[in-house]
């Protein structure tokens, strides 16, 4: 066998190894991206449940809070903005802009709900309303589920981002279309705790 043939065989072997190496990186990143997209789908389910509860909560409160129209309208508006942002994020959870919009909208909604709960505390008849108590209990439960789902999503995003940033994946990730994913983090410190919605006292 001539030297040229040996060189060609070595180059072909190196090229084949490089191809398999790139395929391995690509497939690994696809799996991790799908994992965090699936984790976001779990958040989306809970957010939709939350958005569905809010109109019922507002409708129940409306009869008692006739002088608090602005507060009720703020909750409805914040809910609609958050629902729209969640829909965009669900369509592409890998988009940093979509996730930032959702985080901002969720912060606004949580603030509006917190104001509603503070106002509601001033109306004993509303606190005693059985429907309101049930809705707020369901809302609190949903808030907890959102929190757990968000943690699972953030764990999946961290794993994905770490994998795409370490060598050798970092060499190819950007060229293959794997952009960094955005954590679903809490921007506003007041949103770190779910709104307290206790009407039992």
N, C-alpha and C. Protein backbone atom coordinates (compact mmCIF):
# COMPACT_ATOMS: atom_id res chain seq x y z
N UNK A 1 0.85 -1.17 0.00
CA UNK A 1 0.00 0.00 0.00
C UNK A 1 0.90 1.24 0.00
N UNK A 2 0.55 2.18 -0.87
CA UNK A 2 1.39 3.37 -1.00
C UNK A 2 1.10 4.36 0.11
N UNK A 3 2.03 5.31 0.28
CA UNK A 3 1.87 6.35 1.30
C UNK A 3 0.65 7.20 1.07
N UNK A 4 0.33 7.47 -0.21
CA UNK A 4 -0.85 8.29 -0.54
C UNK A 4 -2.13 7.59 -0.11
N UNK A 5 -2.19 6.28 -0.31
CA UNK A 5 -3.38 5.50 0.06
C UNK A 5 -3.57 5.51 1.57
N UNK A 6 -2.47 5.33 2.29
CA UNK A 6 -2.53 5.34 3.76
C UNK A 6 -3.02 6.70 4.25
N UNK A 7 -2.51 7.76 3.62
CA UNK A 7 -2.93 9.12 4.00
C UNK A 7 -4.43 9.31 3.76
N UNK A 8 -4.91 8.81 2.61
CA UNK A 8 -6.33 8.92 2.30
C UNK A 8 -7.18 8.14 3.30
N UNK A 9 -6.72 6.96 3.68
CA UNK A 9 -7.46 6.15 4.65
C UNK A 9 -7.52 6.86 6.01
N UNK A 10 -6.40 7.43 6.42
CA UNK A 10 -6.34 8.14 7.70
C UNK A 10 -7.27 9.36 7.66
N UNK A 11 -7.22 10.12 6.56
CA UNK A 11 -8.09 11.30 6.42
C UNK A 11 -9.56 10.90 6.41
N UNK A 12 -9.87 9.81 5.72
CA UNK A 12 -11.25 9.33 5.68
C UNK A 12 -11.71 8.91 7.08
N UNK A 13 -10.82 8.24 7.82
CA UNK A 13 -11.17 7.81 9.19
C UNK A 13 -11.39 9.02 10.09
N UNK A 14 -10.52 10.03 9.97
CA UNK A 14 -10.67 11.25 10.77
C UNK A 14 -11.98 11.95 10.42
N UNK A 15 -12.29 12.04 9.12
CA UNK A 15 -13.53 12.67 8.68
C UNK A 15 -14.74 11.92 9.22
N UNK A 16 -14.68 10.59 9.19
CA UNK A 16 -15.78 9.77 9.68
C UNK A 16 -15.97 9.97 11.19
N UNK A 17 -14.88 10.02 11.91
CA UNK A 17 -14.95 10.26 13.36
C UNK A 17 -15.57 11.63 13.63
N UNK A 18 -15.14 12.65 12.85
CA UNK A 18 -15.68 14.01 13.03
C UNK A 18 -17.18 14.04 12.76
N UNK A 19 -17.63 13.31 11.73
CA UNK A 19 -19.05 13.27 11.40
C UNK A 19 -19.84 12.63 12.54
N UNK A 20 -19.35 11.50 13.05
CA UNK A 20 -20.05 10.83 14.15
C UNK A 20 -20.04 11.69 15.42
N UNK A 21 -18.94 12.39 15.64
CA UNK A 21 -18.83 13.30 16.78
C UNK A 21 -19.87 14.41 16.67
N UNK A 22 -20.01 15.02 15.49
CA UNK A 22 -20.99 16.09 15.27
C UNK A 22 -22.42 15.56 15.42
N UNK A 23 -22.66 14.37 14.89
CA UNK A 23 -23.99 13.76 15.01
C UNK A 23 -24.34 13.52 16.47
N UNK A 24 -23.36 13.04 17.24
CA UNK A 24 -23.58 12.79 18.68
C UNK A 24 -23.92 14.07 19.42
N UNK A 25 -23.19 15.15 19.12
CA UNK A 25 -23.46 16.44 19.75
C UNK A 25 -24.86 16.92 19.37
N UNK A 26 -25.18 16.85 18.08
CA UNK A 26 -26.48 17.32 17.59
C UNK A 26 -27.62 16.55 18.27
N UNK A 27 -27.52 15.23 18.27
CA UNK A 27 -28.59 14.41 18.87
C UNK A 27 -28.73 14.66 20.36
N UNK A 28 -27.61 14.83 21.05
CA UNK A 28 -27.67 15.12 22.48
C UNK A 28 -28.36 16.45 22.77
N UNK A 29 -28.04 17.46 21.98
CA UNK A 29 -28.67 18.76 22.18
C UNK A 29 -30.16 18.74 21.83
N UNK A 30 -30.52 17.98 20.80
CA UNK A 30 -31.94 17.84 20.44
C UNK A 30 -32.71 17.22 21.61
N UNK A 31 -32.16 16.17 22.21
CA UNK A 31 -32.83 15.51 23.35
C UNK A 31 -33.03 16.49 24.50
N UNK A 32 -31.98 17.25 24.81
CA UNK A 32 -32.07 18.19 25.92
C UNK A 32 -33.03 19.34 25.62
N UNK A 33 -33.04 19.80 24.37
CA UNK A 33 -33.98 20.87 23.99
C UNK A 33 -35.41 20.36 24.10
N UNK A 34 -35.66 19.14 23.64
CA UNK A 34 -37.00 18.57 23.74
C UNK A 34 -37.41 18.38 25.19
N UNK A 35 -36.44 18.06 26.04
CA UNK A 35 -36.74 17.88 27.46
C UNK A 35 -37.21 19.19 28.09
N UNK A 36 -36.51 20.31 27.78
CA UNK A 36 -36.96 21.55 28.41
C UNK A 36 -38.25 22.06 27.77
N UNK A 37 -38.48 21.75 26.49
CA UNK A 37 -39.76 22.12 25.87
C UNK A 37 -40.91 21.35 26.52
N UNK A 38 -40.68 20.09 26.80
CA UNK A 38 -41.68 19.28 27.49
C UNK A 38 -41.92 19.82 28.90
N UNK A 39 -40.85 20.22 29.57
CA UNK A 39 -40.99 20.78 30.91
C UNK A 39 -41.81 22.07 30.86
N UNK A 40 -41.63 22.87 29.80
CA UNK A 40 -42.43 24.09 29.69
C UNK A 40 -43.90 23.74 29.45
N UNK A 41 -44.15 22.68 28.73
CA UNK A 41 -45.54 22.26 28.49
C UNK A 41 -46.26 22.00 29.81
N UNK A 42 -45.53 21.50 30.82
CA UNK A 42 -46.13 21.26 32.13
C UNK A 42 -46.48 22.59 32.81
N UNK A 43 -45.61 23.59 32.64
CA UNK A 43 -45.93 24.93 33.16
C UNK A 43 -47.16 25.46 32.46
N UNK A 44 -47.20 25.30 31.15
CA UNK A 44 -48.29 25.83 30.34
C UNK A 44 -49.64 25.28 30.80
N UNK A 45 -49.69 24.00 31.12
CA UNK A 45 -50.94 23.38 31.59
C UNK A 45 -51.42 24.09 32.86
N UNK A 46 -50.50 24.32 33.79
CA UNK A 46 -50.88 24.95 35.05
C UNK A 46 -51.23 26.43 34.86
N UNK A 47 -50.51 27.11 33.97
CA UNK A 47 -50.83 28.52 33.72
C UNK A 47 -52.23 28.65 33.11
N UNK A 48 -52.57 27.76 32.19
CA UNK A 48 -53.91 27.80 31.58
C UNK A 48 -54.98 27.58 32.64
N UNK A 49 -54.72 26.66 33.54
CA UNK A 49 -55.67 26.43 34.64
C UNK A 49 -55.81 27.70 35.48
N UNK A 50 -54.69 28.34 35.75
CA UNK A 50 -54.71 29.58 36.52
C UNK A 50 -55.50 30.66 35.79
N UNK A 51 -55.25 30.80 34.50
CA UNK A 51 -55.96 31.82 33.72
C UNK A 51 -57.46 31.53 33.65
N UNK A 52 -57.83 30.25 33.66
CA UNK A 52 -59.25 29.89 33.64
C UNK A 52 -59.94 30.19 34.97
N UNK A 53 -59.19 30.11 36.07
CA UNK A 53 -59.77 30.37 37.39
C UNK A 53 -60.02 31.86 37.62
N UNK A 54 -59.16 32.70 37.07
CA UNK A 54 -59.19 34.13 37.39
C UNK A 54 -60.52 34.80 36.99
N UNK A 55 -61.08 34.56 35.79
CA UNK A 55 -62.37 35.21 35.49
C UNK A 55 -63.47 34.83 36.48
N UNK A 56 -63.48 33.58 36.93
CA UNK A 56 -64.48 33.16 37.93
C UNK A 56 -64.26 33.88 39.26
N UNK A 57 -63.00 34.04 39.60
CA UNK A 57 -62.66 34.75 40.84
C UNK A 57 -63.12 36.21 40.75
N UNK A 58 -62.85 36.84 39.65
CA UNK A 58 -63.24 38.24 39.44
C UNK A 58 -64.76 38.36 39.43
N UNK A 59 -65.44 37.44 38.76
CA UNK A 59 -66.90 37.48 38.67
C UNK A 59 -67.52 37.34 40.06
N UNK A 60 -66.95 36.45 40.87
CA UNK A 60 -67.46 36.26 42.23
C UNK A 60 -67.23 37.52 43.06
N UNK A 61 -66.06 38.11 42.92
CA UNK A 61 -65.72 39.30 43.70
C UNK A 61 -66.50 40.53 43.25
N UNK A 62 -66.90 40.55 41.98
CA UNK A 62 -67.54 41.74 41.39
C UNK A 62 -68.78 42.18 42.18
N UNK A 63 -69.57 41.23 42.61
CA UNK A 63 -70.78 41.56 43.36
C UNK A 63 -70.51 42.25 44.68
N UNK A 64 -69.35 41.99 45.26
CA UNK A 64 -69.01 42.56 46.56
C UNK A 64 -68.12 43.80 46.44
N UNK A 65 -67.38 43.89 45.36
CA UNK A 65 -66.39 44.96 45.21
C UNK A 65 -66.81 45.99 44.16
N UNK A 66 -68.04 46.44 44.26
CA UNK A 66 -68.53 47.37 43.25
C UNK A 66 -67.73 48.67 43.21
N UNK A 67 -67.13 49.05 44.33
CA UNK A 67 -66.34 50.29 44.38
C UNK A 67 -64.88 50.05 44.00
N UNK A 68 -64.55 48.86 43.67
CA UNK A 68 -63.15 48.51 43.35
C UNK A 68 -63.02 48.09 41.88
N UNK A 69 -63.75 48.79 41.03
CA UNK A 69 -63.78 48.42 39.61
C UNK A 69 -62.38 48.44 38.98
N UNK A 70 -61.59 49.43 39.33
CA UNK A 70 -60.24 49.53 38.76
C UNK A 70 -59.39 48.31 39.10
N UNK A 71 -59.51 47.86 40.32
CA UNK A 71 -58.74 46.67 40.76
C UNK A 71 -59.16 45.45 39.95
N UNK A 72 -60.47 45.27 39.80
CA UNK A 72 -60.96 44.12 39.04
C UNK A 72 -60.54 44.19 37.57
N UNK A 73 -60.63 45.39 36.99
CA UNK A 73 -60.23 45.56 35.59
C UNK A 73 -58.73 45.31 35.42
N UNK A 74 -57.94 45.72 36.42
CA UNK A 74 -56.49 45.50 36.35
C UNK A 74 -56.17 44.00 36.35
N UNK A 75 -56.91 43.24 37.14
CA UNK A 75 -56.70 41.79 37.18
C UNK A 75 -57.04 41.16 35.83
N UNK A 76 -58.19 41.55 35.28
CA UNK A 76 -58.61 41.00 33.99
C UNK A 76 -57.60 41.36 32.89
N UNK A 77 -57.17 42.61 32.87
CA UNK A 77 -56.20 43.05 31.86
C UNK A 77 -54.88 42.29 32.01
N UNK A 78 -54.39 42.18 33.25
CA UNK A 78 -53.13 41.46 33.50
C UNK A 78 -53.26 39.99 33.12
N UNK A 79 -54.41 39.41 33.38
CA UNK A 79 -54.65 38.00 33.02
C UNK A 79 -54.60 37.82 31.51
N UNK A 80 -55.22 38.74 30.78
CA UNK A 80 -55.23 38.64 29.31
C UNK A 80 -53.83 38.81 28.72
N UNK A 81 -53.06 39.73 29.27
CA UNK A 81 -51.69 39.93 28.81
C UNK A 81 -50.85 38.68 29.09
N UNK A 82 -51.01 38.12 30.29
CA UNK A 82 -50.25 36.92 30.66
C UNK A 82 -50.65 35.73 29.80
N UNK A 83 -51.95 35.58 29.54
CA UNK A 83 -52.41 34.46 28.70
C UNK A 83 -51.84 34.56 27.30
N UNK A 84 -51.80 35.77 26.76
CA UNK A 84 -51.23 35.98 25.43
C UNK A 84 -49.73 35.68 25.41
N UNK A 85 -49.02 36.13 26.44
CA UNK A 85 -47.58 35.88 26.54
C UNK A 85 -47.31 34.38 26.71
N UNK A 86 -48.15 33.69 27.48
CA UNK A 86 -47.98 32.25 27.68
C UNK A 86 -48.20 31.49 26.38
N UNK A 87 -49.15 31.95 25.59
CA UNK A 87 -49.41 31.31 24.30
C UNK A 87 -48.19 31.43 23.38
N UNK A 88 -47.59 32.61 23.35
CA UNK A 88 -46.39 32.82 22.53
C UNK A 88 -45.23 31.98 23.04
N UNK A 89 -45.07 31.92 24.37
CA UNK A 89 -43.99 31.12 24.95
C UNK A 89 -44.20 29.63 24.69
N UNK A 90 -45.45 29.18 24.74
CA UNK A 90 -45.74 27.77 24.48
C UNK A 90 -45.42 27.41 23.04
N UNK A 91 -45.62 28.36 22.13
CA UNK A 91 -45.32 28.11 20.71
C UNK A 91 -43.83 27.94 20.49
N UNK A 92 -43.02 28.65 21.29
CA UNK A 92 -41.56 28.54 21.14
C UNK A 92 -40.87 28.84 22.47
N UNK A 93 -40.82 27.86 23.38
CA UNK A 93 -40.19 28.10 24.68
C UNK A 93 -38.68 28.32 24.58
N UNK A 94 -38.10 28.03 23.42
CA UNK A 94 -36.66 28.25 23.25
C UNK A 94 -36.35 29.72 22.97
N UNK A 95 -37.37 30.54 22.71
CA UNK A 95 -37.17 31.95 22.42
C UNK A 95 -36.98 32.74 23.71
N UNK A 96 -35.82 33.37 23.84
CA UNK A 96 -35.54 34.18 25.04
C UNK A 96 -36.53 35.33 25.15
N UNK A 97 -36.90 35.95 24.03
CA UNK A 97 -37.84 37.07 24.06
C UNK A 97 -39.22 36.63 24.55
N UNK A 98 -39.67 35.47 24.08
CA UNK A 98 -40.98 34.95 24.53
C UNK A 98 -40.97 34.70 26.03
N UNK A 99 -39.89 34.12 26.52
CA UNK A 99 -39.82 33.81 27.95
C UNK A 99 -39.74 35.09 28.78
N UNK A 100 -38.99 36.08 28.31
CA UNK A 100 -38.90 37.35 29.05
C UNK A 100 -40.27 38.04 29.09
N UNK A 101 -41.00 37.99 27.98
CA UNK A 101 -42.35 38.58 27.95
C UNK A 101 -43.27 37.87 28.93
N UNK A 102 -43.17 36.55 28.98
CA UNK A 102 -44.00 35.77 29.90
C UNK A 102 -43.65 36.10 31.35
N UNK A 103 -42.36 36.17 31.65
CA UNK A 103 -41.96 36.49 33.03
C UNK A 103 -42.50 37.85 33.45
N UNK A 104 -42.39 38.82 32.56
CA UNK A 104 -42.88 40.17 32.85
C UNK A 104 -44.40 40.16 33.04
N UNK A 105 -45.11 39.46 32.16
CA UNK A 105 -46.57 39.39 32.25
C UNK A 105 -47.02 38.68 33.52
N UNK A 106 -46.32 37.61 33.88
CA UNK A 106 -46.66 36.88 35.10
C UNK A 106 -46.42 37.73 36.35
N UNK A 107 -45.36 38.52 36.33
CA UNK A 107 -45.10 39.42 37.45
C UNK A 107 -46.23 40.43 37.59
N UNK A 108 -46.69 40.97 36.44
CA UNK A 108 -47.81 41.92 36.46
C UNK A 108 -49.09 41.28 36.97
N UNK A 109 -49.35 40.05 36.54
CA UNK A 109 -50.56 39.36 36.97
C UNK A 109 -50.52 39.06 38.46
N UNK A 110 -49.39 38.61 38.94
CA UNK A 110 -49.27 38.31 40.36
C UNK A 110 -49.47 39.56 41.21
N UNK A 111 -48.93 40.68 40.73
CA UNK A 111 -49.13 41.94 41.45
C UNK A 111 -50.60 42.34 41.48
N UNK A 112 -51.28 42.19 40.35
CA UNK A 112 -52.71 42.54 40.28
C UNK A 112 -53.54 41.63 41.19
N UNK A 113 -53.21 40.33 41.19
CA UNK A 113 -53.94 39.40 42.07
C UNK A 113 -53.68 39.72 43.53
N UNK A 114 -52.45 40.08 43.85
CA UNK A 114 -52.13 40.43 45.24
C UNK A 114 -52.94 41.64 45.69
N UNK A 115 -53.05 42.63 44.81
CA UNK A 115 -53.87 43.82 45.15
C UNK A 115 -55.33 43.43 45.37
N UNK A 116 -55.84 42.53 44.51
CA UNK A 116 -57.22 42.07 44.66
C UNK A 116 -57.41 41.38 46.01
N UNK A 117 -56.46 40.56 46.41
CA UNK A 117 -56.59 39.85 47.68
C UNK A 117 -56.54 40.81 48.86
N UNK A 118 -55.69 41.83 48.76
CA UNK A 118 -55.62 42.82 49.84
C UNK A 118 -56.95 43.56 49.95
N UNK A 119 -57.50 43.96 48.82
CA UNK A 119 -58.79 44.66 48.82
C UNK A 119 -59.89 43.74 49.35
N UNK A 120 -59.85 42.48 48.94
CA UNK A 120 -60.89 41.52 49.34
C UNK A 120 -60.92 41.32 50.85
N UNK A 121 -59.78 41.44 51.47
CA UNK A 121 -59.70 41.28 52.93
C UNK A 121 -60.58 42.29 53.65
N UNK A 122 -60.87 43.41 53.02
CA UNK A 122 -61.65 44.48 53.66
C UNK A 122 -63.16 44.23 53.57
N UNK A 123 -63.56 43.13 52.92
CA UNK A 123 -64.98 42.84 52.73
C UNK A 123 -65.32 41.49 53.38
N UNK A 124 -65.80 41.52 54.62
CA UNK A 124 -66.08 40.27 55.35
C UNK A 124 -67.06 39.34 54.63
N UNK A 125 -68.06 39.93 53.96
CA UNK A 125 -69.04 39.09 53.25
C UNK A 125 -68.38 38.32 52.12
N UNK A 126 -67.44 38.96 51.46
CA UNK A 126 -66.72 38.29 50.38
C UNK A 126 -65.83 37.18 50.94
N UNK A 127 -65.17 37.47 52.06
CA UNK A 127 -64.32 36.46 52.70
C UNK A 127 -65.14 35.23 53.08
N UNK A 128 -66.39 35.46 53.47
CA UNK A 128 -67.26 34.36 53.92
C UNK A 128 -67.90 33.61 52.75
N UNK A 129 -67.81 34.15 51.55
CA UNK A 129 -68.45 33.52 50.38
C UNK A 129 -67.79 32.18 50.08
N UNK A 130 -68.59 31.14 50.04
CA UNK A 130 -68.07 29.78 49.85
C UNK A 130 -67.41 29.60 48.48
N UNK A 131 -68.01 30.18 47.45
CA UNK A 131 -67.46 30.08 46.10
C UNK A 131 -66.09 30.77 46.02
N UNK A 132 -65.99 31.94 46.66
CA UNK A 132 -64.73 32.68 46.67
C UNK A 132 -63.66 31.88 47.40
N UNK A 133 -64.02 31.28 48.51
CA UNK A 133 -63.06 30.49 49.28
C UNK A 133 -62.55 29.30 48.46
N UNK A 134 -63.47 28.64 47.75
CA UNK A 134 -63.08 27.50 46.93
C UNK A 134 -62.16 27.93 45.78
N UNK A 135 -62.51 29.03 45.12
CA UNK A 135 -61.70 29.52 44.01
C UNK A 135 -60.30 29.93 44.46
N UNK A 136 -60.22 30.60 45.61
CA UNK A 136 -58.90 31.02 46.09
C UNK A 136 -58.06 29.82 46.52
N UNK A 137 -58.73 28.81 47.04
CA UNK A 137 -57.99 27.59 47.40
C UNK A 137 -57.44 26.91 46.14
N UNK A 138 -58.27 26.84 45.10
CA UNK A 138 -57.81 26.26 43.83
C UNK A 138 -56.69 27.08 43.21
N UNK A 139 -56.80 28.39 43.34
CA UNK A 139 -55.76 29.27 42.80
C UNK A 139 -54.44 29.07 43.53
N UNK A 140 -54.51 28.95 44.84
CA UNK A 140 -53.29 28.71 45.63
C UNK A 140 -52.66 27.38 45.25
N UNK A 141 -53.49 26.35 45.11
CA UNK A 141 -52.99 25.04 44.70
C UNK A 141 -52.32 25.12 43.32
N UNK A 142 -52.94 25.85 42.41
CA UNK A 142 -52.38 26.00 41.06
C UNK A 142 -51.07 26.77 41.11
N UNK A 143 -51.00 27.80 41.96
CA UNK A 143 -49.75 28.56 42.11
C UNK A 143 -48.62 27.63 42.54
N UNK A 144 -48.92 26.73 43.46
CA UNK A 144 -47.89 25.79 43.92
C UNK A 144 -47.45 24.86 42.80
N UNK A 145 -48.41 24.41 42.00
CA UNK A 145 -48.07 23.53 40.88
C UNK A 145 -47.23 24.27 39.84
N UNK A 146 -47.56 25.54 39.60
CA UNK A 146 -46.75 26.35 38.68
C UNK A 146 -45.32 26.44 39.18
N UNK A 147 -45.19 26.65 40.48
CA UNK A 147 -43.86 26.77 41.08
C UNK A 147 -43.04 25.49 40.89
N UNK A 148 -43.65 24.34 41.13
CA UNK A 148 -42.94 23.06 40.95
C UNK A 148 -42.59 22.84 39.47
N UNK A 149 -43.54 23.15 38.59
CA UNK A 149 -43.29 22.96 37.15
C UNK A 149 -42.19 23.90 36.68
N UNK A 150 -42.17 25.11 37.22
CA UNK A 150 -41.14 26.07 36.84
C UNK A 150 -39.76 25.57 37.27
N UNK A 151 -39.68 24.96 38.45
CA UNK A 151 -38.40 24.41 38.92
C UNK A 151 -37.92 23.30 37.99
N UNK A 152 -38.82 22.42 37.58
CA UNK A 152 -38.45 21.33 36.67
C UNK A 152 -37.98 21.90 35.33
N UNK A 153 -38.67 22.92 34.85
CA UNK A 153 -38.28 23.57 33.59
C UNK A 153 -36.89 24.19 33.72
N UNK A 154 -36.66 24.93 34.80
CA UNK A 154 -35.36 25.57 34.99
C UNK A 154 -34.24 24.55 35.10
N UNK A 155 -34.51 23.41 35.73
CA UNK A 155 -33.50 22.35 35.80
C UNK A 155 -33.17 21.84 34.40
N UNK A 156 -34.20 21.63 33.58
CA UNK A 156 -33.99 21.13 32.21
C UNK A 156 -33.25 22.16 31.36
N UNK A 157 -33.59 23.43 31.53
CA UNK A 157 -32.91 24.49 30.78
C UNK A 157 -31.45 24.58 31.19
N UNK A 158 -31.18 24.48 32.49
CA UNK A 158 -29.80 24.54 32.98
C UNK A 158 -28.97 23.40 32.40
N UNK A 159 -29.53 22.21 32.36
CA UNK A 159 -28.83 21.06 31.78
C UNK A 159 -28.53 21.30 30.31
N UNK A 160 -29.53 21.79 29.58
CA UNK A 160 -29.36 22.07 28.15
C UNK A 160 -28.29 23.15 27.93
N UNK A 161 -28.41 24.27 28.65
CA UNK A 161 -27.45 25.37 28.48
C UNK A 161 -26.03 24.94 28.83
N UNK A 162 -25.90 24.13 29.88
CA UNK A 162 -24.57 23.65 30.27
C UNK A 162 -23.98 22.78 29.17
N UNK A 163 -24.80 21.88 28.62
CA UNK A 163 -24.31 20.99 27.58
C UNK A 163 -23.87 21.77 26.33
N UNK A 164 -24.64 22.79 25.97
CA UNK A 164 -24.29 23.54 24.75
C UNK A 164 -23.10 24.47 24.97
N UNK A 165 -22.76 24.76 26.22
CA UNK A 165 -21.66 25.69 26.50
C UNK A 165 -20.32 24.99 26.76
N UNK A 166 -20.34 23.68 26.98
CA UNK A 166 -19.08 23.00 27.27
C UNK A 166 -18.45 22.47 25.98
N UNK A 167 -17.15 22.32 26.04
CA UNK A 167 -16.44 21.76 24.90
C UNK A 167 -16.70 20.26 24.86
N UNK A 168 -16.94 19.69 23.72
CA UNK A 168 -16.79 20.19 22.37
C UNK A 168 -18.07 20.79 21.76
N UNK A 169 -19.22 20.68 22.48
CA UNK A 169 -20.49 21.14 21.90
C UNK A 169 -20.47 22.62 21.57
N UNK A 170 -19.78 23.41 22.37
CA UNK A 170 -19.75 24.86 22.16
C UNK A 170 -19.22 25.21 20.77
N UNK A 171 -18.39 24.34 20.21
CA UNK A 171 -17.81 24.59 18.89
C UNK A 171 -18.89 24.57 17.81
N UNK A 172 -19.89 23.70 17.98
CA UNK A 172 -20.88 23.49 16.92
C UNK A 172 -22.29 23.95 17.26
N UNK A 173 -22.60 24.15 18.53
CA UNK A 173 -23.98 24.41 18.94
C UNK A 173 -24.62 25.58 18.21
N UNK A 174 -23.95 26.71 18.19
CA UNK A 174 -24.51 27.90 17.53
C UNK A 174 -24.73 27.67 16.05
N UNK A 175 -23.75 27.05 15.41
CA UNK A 175 -23.86 26.79 13.97
C UNK A 175 -24.99 25.83 13.66
N UNK A 176 -25.31 24.95 14.60
CA UNK A 176 -26.39 23.98 14.40
C UNK A 176 -27.75 24.55 14.79
N UNK A 177 -27.79 25.81 15.24
CA UNK A 177 -29.06 26.45 15.57
C UNK A 177 -29.50 26.28 17.02
N UNK A 178 -28.61 25.85 17.89
CA UNK A 178 -28.96 25.66 19.29
C UNK A 178 -28.57 26.91 20.07
N UNK A 179 -29.56 27.79 20.28
CA UNK A 179 -29.33 29.03 21.02
C UNK A 179 -29.55 28.78 22.51
N UNK A 180 -28.99 29.65 23.35
CA UNK A 180 -29.23 29.49 24.80
C UNK A 180 -30.72 29.61 25.11
N UNK A 181 -31.16 28.85 26.08
CA UNK A 181 -32.56 28.93 26.53
C UNK A 181 -32.63 29.84 27.75
N UNK A 182 -33.78 30.45 27.94
CA UNK A 182 -33.98 31.40 29.04
C UNK A 182 -34.61 30.68 30.23
N UNK A 183 -34.04 30.88 31.40
CA UNK A 183 -34.66 30.36 32.61
C UNK A 183 -35.95 31.12 32.88
N UNK A 184 -36.90 30.46 33.50
CA UNK A 184 -38.14 31.11 33.90
C UNK A 184 -37.93 31.58 35.33
N UNK A 185 -37.26 32.71 35.46
CA UNK A 185 -36.90 33.20 36.78
C UNK A 185 -37.82 34.32 37.22
N UNK A 186 -37.85 34.51 38.50
CA UNK A 186 -38.72 35.52 39.09
C UNK A 186 -37.95 36.84 39.13
N UNK A 187 -38.46 37.83 38.41
CA UNK A 187 -37.79 39.13 38.35
C UNK A 187 -38.13 40.02 39.54
N UNK A 188 -39.39 39.99 39.95
CA UNK A 188 -39.86 40.88 41.01
C UNK A 188 -39.85 40.13 42.33
N UNK A 189 -39.13 40.63 43.35
CA UNK A 189 -39.07 39.92 44.63
C UNK A 189 -40.44 39.66 45.24
N UNK A 190 -41.43 40.54 44.97
CA UNK A 190 -42.76 40.32 45.54
C UNK A 190 -43.45 39.12 44.90
N UNK A 191 -42.96 38.67 43.74
CA UNK A 191 -43.57 37.53 43.05
C UNK A 191 -42.95 36.22 43.51
N UNK A 192 -41.94 36.29 44.38
CA UNK A 192 -41.28 35.07 44.83
C UNK A 192 -42.21 34.20 45.67
N UNK A 193 -43.21 34.79 46.25
CA UNK A 193 -44.18 34.02 47.03
C UNK A 193 -45.53 34.09 46.32
N UNK A 194 -46.22 32.97 46.30
CA UNK A 194 -47.56 32.97 45.72
C UNK A 194 -48.44 33.90 46.54
N UNK A 195 -49.39 34.58 45.92
CA UNK A 195 -50.25 35.47 46.69
C UNK A 195 -51.01 34.70 47.75
N UNK A 196 -51.12 35.30 48.93
CA UNK A 196 -51.84 34.64 50.01
C UNK A 196 -53.32 34.90 49.78
N UNK A 197 -54.08 33.82 49.68
CA UNK A 197 -55.49 33.95 49.34
C UNK A 197 -56.35 33.22 50.36
N UNK A 198 -56.06 33.44 51.65
CA UNK A 198 -56.78 32.75 52.71
C UNK A 198 -58.02 33.54 53.09
N UNK A 199 -59.20 32.94 52.87
CA UNK A 199 -60.45 33.59 53.24
C UNK A 199 -61.14 32.83 54.39
N UNK A 200 -60.39 31.97 55.05
CA UNK A 200 -60.98 31.13 56.07
C UNK A 200 -61.14 31.85 57.40
N UNK A 201 -60.32 32.89 57.62
CA UNK A 201 -60.36 33.55 58.93
C UNK A 201 -61.50 34.55 59.01
